[in-house]
């Protein structure tokens, strides 16, 4: 391997790591607030990419049908829950929140589909179109079991992935799509090595969005509520923060990140209805490196995963995924050795 090849692989790895960084932040956000390892995160990113591809071909994205279907089911579930609790007066608000608001991006998509509008409008419409998916899915499948154990929530999340994959096949079909590049041109590094504008955009987006993510947590009331819930759910509830509402915010922010990821990766790889699964898994490796709680460690882990994947594909394209997922073994062994086994100690005290 020459230095030129190593530089190419390193830049490609950083670009991939930027995507895993954003996905890892979304996974850590959801887990820290709700204790859910949200496996379908990558599926939402894939739907965003496929929605943008549909806009570019002059079609109405099938995501509209998916979102409206989920909205109808969520409204029916919420209305039934309110009726059972004797809170029928809140039904109009439930219809507005779970039915009307998710339908607004669908109206925007219908308005711009097939029209001669700037490409940026299609990008915004594709991102907004997938934002309601995660909160709607969470309302249907995860909110009713919010107090279950982490293992039960993980199993439910895994089942949701297979459900969304099936719905993706039903609505989008088996064909793959690739969108137009979001940035053209290239810059030349010292030594005459060119870097494409798309790669620069991916890296810059990761840096900017991570900074905005940090500012949102540090400077906004909603961000502080999310942090409080992540640190202590019971304490947050005692001071008036509703965990259900912060969970909804976490799902919404994560869905927005997934939409951004989808439009970033759509120009560089062909996306299918199930392409998001590996993206989510590799982001999960980065989140595990961060212990599912540390955003800086997750970011470093994501960049490491991207670089390892890039160099692994050079040495063996067939084994690159094996190499990436093998990172979990030493990380889990190290964390197990460093962890305090409080449950065992408690059992010994009680004995």
Protein backbone atom coordinates (compact mmCIF):
# COMPACT_ATOMS: atom_id res chain seq x y z
CA UNK A 1 0.00 0.00 0.00
CA UNK A 2 1.39 3.37 -1.03
CA UNK A 3 0.85 6.67 0.77
CA UNK A 4 -1.45 7.85 -2.02
CA UNK A 5 -3.67 4.81 -1.58
CA UNK A 6 -3.65 5.23 2.20
CA UNK A 7 -4.70 8.88 1.80
CA UNK A 8 -7.57 7.91 -0.51
CA UNK A 9 -8.74 5.24 1.91
CA UNK A 10 -8.43 7.60 4.86
CA UNK A 11 -10.55 10.32 3.26
CA UNK A 12 -13.13 7.77 2.14
CA UNK A 13 -13.17 6.36 5.67
CA UNK A 14 -13.73 9.81 7.18
CA UNK A 15 -16.62 10.41 4.78
CA UNK A 16 -18.23 7.11 5.82
CA UNK A 17 -17.45 7.89 9.44
CA UNK A 18 -19.27 11.22 9.12
CA UNK A 19 -22.44 9.33 8.19
CA UNK A 20 -22.00 6.86 11.05
CA UNK A 21 -21.33 9.79 13.39
CA UNK A 22 -24.72 11.35 12.68
CA UNK A 23 -26.46 7.98 12.91
CA UNK A 24 -24.64 7.17 16.15
CA UNK A 25 -25.72 10.48 17.68
CA UNK A 26 -29.31 9.64 16.83
CA UNK A 27 -29.06 6.18 18.37
CA UNK A 28 -27.46 7.50 21.57
CA UNK A 29 -30.08 10.25 21.83
CA UNK A 30 -32.96 7.78 21.61
CA UNK A 31 -31.38 5.26 23.96
CA UNK A 32 -30.38 7.78 26.63
CA UNK A 33 -33.89 9.23 26.76
CA UNK A 34 -36.05 6.14 26.15
CA UNK A 35 -33.75 3.10 26.77
CA UNK A 36 -34.63 1.89 23.24
CA UNK A 37 -31.92 0.68 20.88
CA UNK A 38 -33.73 1.94 17.80
CA UNK A 39 -32.76 -0.65 15.19
CA UNK A 40 -34.93 0.82 12.35
CA UNK A 41 -32.91 4.06 12.33
CA UNK A 42 -31.19 3.10 9.08
CA UNK A 43 -34.50 2.19 7.46
CA UNK A 44 -35.72 5.76 7.94
CA UNK A 45 -32.52 7.04 6.29
CA UNK A 46 -33.11 4.70 3.34
CA UNK A 47 -36.68 5.97 2.95
CA UNK A 48 -35.35 9.53 2.82
CA UNK A 49 -32.93 8.62 0.04
CA UNK A 50 -35.63 6.81 -1.92
CA UNK A 51 -38.00 9.75 -1.47
CA UNK A 52 -35.43 12.13 -2.95
CA UNK A 53 -34.90 9.73 -5.86
CA UNK A 54 -38.65 9.70 -6.48
CA UNK A 55 -38.77 13.51 -6.56
CA UNK A 56 -35.90 13.60 -9.05
CA UNK A 57 -37.73 11.24 -11.40
CA UNK A 58 -40.90 13.34 -11.26
CA UNK A 59 -42.92 10.92 -9.12
CA UNK A 60 -44.77 11.35 -5.86
CA UNK A 61 -42.70 9.47 -3.25
CA UNK A 62 -44.38 6.31 -1.94
CA UNK A 63 -43.32 7.58 1.49
CA UNK A 64 -46.50 9.65 1.43
CA UNK A 65 -48.62 6.50 1.56
CA UNK A 66 -46.46 5.04 4.32
CA UNK A 67 -46.67 8.17 6.48
CA UNK A 68 -50.42 8.53 6.02
CA UNK A 69 -50.96 4.86 6.89
CA UNK A 70 -48.93 5.20 10.07
CA UNK A 71 -50.74 8.46 10.93
CA UNK A 72 -54.17 6.85 10.61
CA UNK A 73 -53.08 3.95 12.84
CA UNK A 74 -51.55 6.34 15.38
CA UNK A 75 -54.70 8.48 15.52
CA UNK A 76 -56.86 5.40 16.00
CA UNK A 77 -54.57 4.12 18.76
CA UNK A 78 -54.48 7.47 20.56
CA UNK A 79 -58.23 8.00 20.31
CA UNK A 80 -58.94 4.53 21.66
CA UNK A 81 -56.52 5.14 24.54
CA UNK A 82 -58.19 8.46 25.41
CA UNK A 83 -61.65 6.95 25.30
CA UNK A 84 -60.61 4.14 27.63
CA UNK A 85 -59.17 6.66 30.11
CA UNK A 86 -62.28 8.85 29.94
CA UNK A 87 -60.44 11.78 28.34
CA UNK A 88 -62.54 12.20 25.21
CA UNK A 89 -62.14 15.98 25.37
CA UNK A 90 -58.51 15.57 24.26
CA UNK A 91 -59.43 13.76 21.04
CA UNK A 92 -59.25 16.89 18.79
CA UNK A 93 -55.74 17.60 20.07
CA UNK A 94 -54.75 13.99 19.43
CA UNK A 95 -56.09 14.14 15.88
CA UNK A 96 -54.15 17.36 15.30
CA UNK A 97 -50.89 16.03 16.72
CA UNK A 98 -50.93 12.50 15.33
CA UNK A 99 -52.93 13.02 12.15
CA UNK A 100 -52.80 16.56 10.81
CA UNK A 101 -49.18 17.45 11.60
CA UNK A 102 -47.70 14.26 10.02
CA UNK A 103 -49.86 14.93 6.94
CA UNK A 104 -48.37 18.39 6.35
CA UNK A 105 -45.10 17.08 4.82
CA UNK A 106 -47.23 14.81 2.64
CA UNK A 107 -49.12 17.87 1.34
CA UNK A 108 -45.78 19.57 0.62
CA UNK A 109 -44.56 16.48 -1.24
CA UNK A 110 -47.75 16.35 -3.30
CA UNK A 111 -47.38 20.04 -4.15
CA UNK A 112 -43.77 19.84 -5.41
CA UNK A 113 -43.75 16.37 -7.00
CA UNK A 114 -43.32 16.63 -10.76
CA UNK A 115 -42.87 20.41 -10.62
CA UNK A 116 -39.97 22.48 -11.90
CA UNK A 117 -38.61 23.68 -8.59
CA UNK A 118 -35.03 24.07 -7.28
CA UNK A 119 -33.36 20.83 -6.25
CA UNK A 120 -33.05 22.16 -2.69
CA UNK A 121 -36.84 22.08 -2.40
CA UNK A 122 -36.85 18.37 -3.20
CA UNK A 123 -34.15 17.78 -0.57
CA UNK A 124 -36.10 19.64 2.12
CA UNK A 125 -39.33 17.86 1.16
CA UNK A 126 -37.63 14.43 1.28
CA UNK A 127 -36.20 15.12 4.74
CA UNK A 128 -39.45 16.50 6.16
CA UNK A 129 -41.37 13.58 4.70
CA UNK A 130 -39.56 11.02 6.88
CA UNK A 131 -39.50 13.10 10.09
CA UNK A 132 -42.92 11.82 11.28
CA UNK A 133 -42.06 8.14 10.68
CA UNK A 134 -40.04 7.50 13.83
CA UNK A 135 -42.47 9.25 16.26
CA UNK A 136 -45.45 7.50 14.65
CA UNK A 137 -43.81 4.08 14.81
CA UNK A 138 -42.78 4.73 18.41
CA UNK A 139 -46.32 5.72 19.34
CA UNK A 140 -47.73 2.54 17.84
CA UNK A 141 -45.22 -0.02 19.07
CA UNK A 142 -42.90 1.40 21.73
CA UNK A 143 -44.90 3.83 23.86
CA UNK A 144 -47.31 1.13 25.14
CA UNK A 145 -44.31 -0.83 26.51
CA UNK A 146 -42.18 2.16 27.53
CA UNK A 147 -41.67 0.78 31.06
CA UNK A 148 -40.55 -2.67 29.90
CA UNK A 149 -37.00 -3.92 30.29
CA UNK A 150 -34.25 -2.92 27.85
CA UNK A 151 -34.24 -6.45 26.43
CA UNK A 152 -37.97 -6.37 25.68
CA UNK A 153 -37.59 -2.94 24.06
CA UNK A 154 -34.70 -4.24 21.96
CA UNK A 155 -36.75 -7.20 20.74
CA UNK A 156 -39.64 -4.88 19.87
CA UNK A 157 -37.25 -2.54 18.05
CA UNK A 158 -35.81 -5.43 16.05
CA UNK A 159 -39.33 -6.52 15.10
CA UNK A 160 -40.02 -2.96 13.96
CA UNK A 161 -37.03 -3.13 11.64
CA UNK A 162 -38.41 -6.20 9.88
CA UNK A 163 -41.84 -4.58 9.73
CA UNK A 164 -40.47 -1.38 8.17
CA UNK A 165 -38.35 -3.39 5.73
CA UNK A 166 -41.47 -5.21 4.60
CA UNK A 167 -43.38 -1.96 4.29
CA UNK A 168 -40.45 -0.50 2.35
CA UNK A 169 -40.61 -3.37 -0.11
CA UNK A 170 -44.38 -2.93 -0.39
CA UNK A 171 -44.30 0.83 -0.98
CA UNK A 172 -40.97 1.34 -2.80
CA UNK A 173 -40.46 -1.98 -4.57
CA UNK A 174 -37.17 -3.89 -4.97
CA UNK A 175 -35.50 -1.43 -7.37
CA UNK A 176 -32.46 0.54 -6.29
CA UNK A 177 -31.94 4.26 -6.92
CA UNK A 178 -29.12 6.77 -6.78
CA UNK A 179 -29.66 10.51 -6.70
CA UNK A 180 -27.78 13.38 -8.32
CA UNK A 181 -24.72 14.69 -6.45
CA UNK A 182 -25.50 17.42 -3.96
CA UNK A 183 -22.16 19.14 -4.60
CA UNK A 184 -20.12 19.21 -7.77
CA UNK A 185 -16.48 19.94 -8.38
CA UNK A 186 -13.47 19.08 -6.23
CA UNK A 187 -10.58 20.64 -4.38
CA UNK A 188 -6.99 19.60 -4.77
CA UNK A 189 -4.98 18.83 -1.67
CA UNK A 190 -1.21 19.42 -1.48
CA UNK A 191 0.43 16.77 -3.62
CA UNK A 192 -2.21 16.98 -6.35
CA UNK A 193 -4.78 14.72 -4.69
CA UNK A 194 -8.40 15.71 -5.55
CA UNK A 195 -11.27 15.47 -3.06
CA UNK A 196 -14.80 15.54 -4.47
CA UNK A 197 -17.31 18.13 -3.39
CA UNK A 198 -19.69 15.42 -2.19
CA UNK A 199 -17.11 14.11 0.29
CA UNK A 200 -16.43 17.64 1.53
CA UNK A 201 -20.17 18.19 1.96
CA UNK A 202 -20.53 14.99 4.01
CA UNK A 203 -17.66 15.95 6.31
CA UNK A 204 -18.85 19.54 6.68
CA UNK A 205 -22.41 18.41 7.37
CA UNK A 206 -21.21 16.13 10.15
CA UNK A 207 -19.22 18.93 11.76
CA UNK A 208 -21.99 21.52 11.47
CA UNK A 209 -24.79 19.23 12.60
CA UNK A 210 -22.74 17.96 15.54
CA UNK A 211 -22.15 21.57 16.58
CA UNK A 212 -25.84 22.39 16.29
CA UNK A 213 -26.61 19.23 18.22
CA UNK A 214 -24.33 20.37 21.04
CA UNK A 215 -25.79 23.89 21.08
CA UNK A 216 -29.34 22.53 21.14
CA UNK A 217 -28.55 20.45 24.21
CA UNK A 218 -26.70 23.23 25.98
CA UNK A 219 -28.74 26.34 25.11
CA UNK A 220 -32.37 25.34 24.55
CA UNK A 221 -35.10 24.40 27.01
CA UNK A 222 -36.00 21.31 24.99
CA UNK A 223 -32.36 20.20 24.96
CA UNK A 224 -32.06 20.63 28.71
CA UNK A 225 -35.26 18.62 29.18
CA UNK A 226 -33.77 15.84 27.06
CA UNK A 227 -30.57 15.89 29.12
CA UNK A 228 -32.52 15.81 32.38
CA UNK A 229 -34.57 12.83 31.23
CA UNK A 230 -31.43 11.03 30.07
CA UNK A 231 -29.70 11.57 33.42
CA UNK A 232 -32.62 10.73 35.70
CA UNK A 233 -36.10 9.91 34.39
CA UNK A 234 -37.71 9.91 37.83
CA UNK A 235 -36.08 13.17 38.85
CA UNK A 236 -37.10 14.79 35.57
CA UNK A 237 -40.68 13.69 36.15
CA UNK A 238 -40.63 15.16 39.67
CA UNK A 239 -39.66 18.60 38.37
CA UNK A 240 -42.45 18.60 35.76
CA UNK A 241 -40.73 17.13 32.70
CA UNK A 242 -42.90 14.52 31.01
CA UNK A 243 -40.82 11.54 29.80
CA UNK A 244 -43.38 10.78 27.07
CA UNK A 245 -42.95 14.28 25.64
CA UNK A 246 -39.16 14.19 25.79
CA UNK A 247 -39.25 10.75 24.17
CA UNK A 248 -41.30 12.24 21.34
CA UNK A 249 -38.71 15.01 20.95
CA UNK A 250 -35.89 12.47 20.88
CA UNK A 251 -37.63 10.40 18.21
CA UNK A 252 -38.31 13.52 16.17
CA UNK A 253 -34.71 14.77 16.33
CA UNK A 254 -33.38 11.32 15.48
CA UNK A 255 -35.76 11.04 12.55
CA UNK A 256 -34.53 14.40 11.27
CA UNK A 257 -30.93 13.14 11.50
CA UNK A 258 -31.91 9.99 9.61
CA UNK A 259 -33.48 12.10 6.86
CA UNK A 260 -30.30 14.16 6.53
CA UNK A 261 -28.20 11.00 6.38
CA UNK A 262 -30.37 9.61 3.62
CA UNK A 263 -29.93 12.59 1.31
CA UNK A 264 -26.18 12.68 2.03
CA UNK A 265 -25.49 9.06 1.11
CA UNK A 266 -27.98 8.73 -1.76
CA UNK A 267 -25.58 10.26 -4.34
CA UNK A 268 -22.65 7.99 -3.43
CA UNK A 269 -24.33 4.58 -3.19
CA UNK A 270 -27.33 2.85 -4.71
CA UNK A 271 -30.08 2.71 -2.12
CA UNK A 272 -32.66 -0.06 -1.78
CA UNK A 273 -35.57 -0.43 0.60
CA UNK A 274 -33.39 -2.44 3.03
CA UNK A 275 -30.06 -0.63 2.57
CA UNK A 276 -30.37 1.17 5.86
CA UNK A 277 -29.90 -1.93 8.01
CA UNK A 278 -26.10 -2.05 7.66
CA UNK A 279 -25.87 1.71 8.20
CA UNK A 280 -27.75 1.32 11.47
CA UNK A 281 -25.63 -1.63 12.56
CA UNK A 282 -22.35 0.17 11.93
CA UNK A 283 -23.65 3.23 13.73
CA UNK A 284 -24.59 0.90 16.58
CA UNK A 285 -20.97 -0.26 16.77
CA UNK A 286 -19.95 3.40 17.14
CA UNK A 287 -22.63 3.91 19.80
CA UNK A 288 -21.38 0.86 21.72
CA UNK A 289 -17.88 2.32 21.67
CA UNK A 290 -19.43 5.37 23.31
CA UNK A 291 -21.24 3.18 25.81
CA UNK A 292 -24.59 4.34 24.42
CA UNK A 293 -24.27 7.43 26.65
CA UNK A 294 -21.22 9.45 25.54
CA UNK A 295 -21.65 11.63 22.45
CA UNK A 296 -17.92 12.49 22.05
CA UNK A 297 -16.87 8.84 22.33
CA UNK A 298 -19.61 7.88 19.89
CA UNK A 299 -18.27 10.45 17.42
CA UNK A 300 -14.73 9.09 17.76
CA UNK A 301 -16.05 5.55 17.45
CA UNK A 302 -17.96 6.45 14.28
CA UNK A 303 -14.85 7.89 12.64
CA UNK A 304 -12.90 4.81 13.68
CA UNK A 305 -15.57 2.53 12.19
CA UNK A 306 -15.47 4.45 8.92
CA UNK A 307 -11.68 4.30 8.64
CA UNK A 308 -11.54 0.60 9.60
CA UNK A 309 -14.25 -0.17 7.04
CA UNK A 310 -12.38 1.70 4.31
CA UNK A 311 -9.05 -0.01 4.94
CA UNK A 312 -10.80 -3.35 5.47
CA UNK A 313 -12.45 -3.09 2.04
CA UNK A 314 -8.99 -2.56 0.53
CA UNK A 315 -7.58 -5.72 2.04
CA UNK A 316 -10.72 -7.84 1.61
CA UNK A 317 -13.95 -6.47 0.21
CA UNK A 318 -15.85 -9.62 1.23
CA UNK A 319 -14.73 -9.36 4.86
CA UNK A 320 -14.96 -5.61 5.46
CA UNK A 321 -18.21 -5.93 7.43
CA UNK A 322 -16.75 -8.76 9.49
CA UNK A 323 -13.75 -6.58 10.32
CA UNK A 324 -15.99 -3.68 11.39
CA UNK A 325 -18.26 -5.79 13.58
CA UNK A 326 -15.23 -7.49 15.12
CA UNK A 327 -14.50 -4.16 16.79
CA UNK A 328 -17.33 -4.98 19.17
CA UNK A 329 -15.44 -7.88 20.73
CA UNK A 330 -12.52 -5.98 22.33
CA UNK A 331 -14.78 -3.03 23.19
CA UNK A 332 -17.32 -5.21 25.00
CA UNK A 333 -14.57 -7.16 26.76
CA UNK A 334 -12.95 -3.93 27.94
CA UNK A 335 -16.25 -2.47 29.13
CA UNK A 336 -17.13 -5.70 30.91
CA UNK A 337 -13.80 -5.69 32.71
CA UNK A 338 -14.19 -2.04 33.75
CA UNK A 339 -17.87 -2.21 34.70
CA UNK A 340 -19.00 -2.28 38.31
CA UNK A 341 -21.11 -5.37 38.87
CA UNK A 342 -23.57 -3.67 41.18
CA UNK A 343 -26.28 -6.31 40.82
CA UNK A 344 -23.98 -9.10 41.93
CA UNK A 345 -22.72 -7.01 44.84
CA UNK A 346 -26.30 -6.24 45.90
CA UNK A 347 -27.18 -9.93 45.81
CA UNK A 348 -24.17 -10.72 48.00
CA UNK A 349 -25.20 -8.04 50.53
CA UNK A 350 -28.75 -9.35 50.66
CA UNK A 351 -27.47 -12.91 51.15
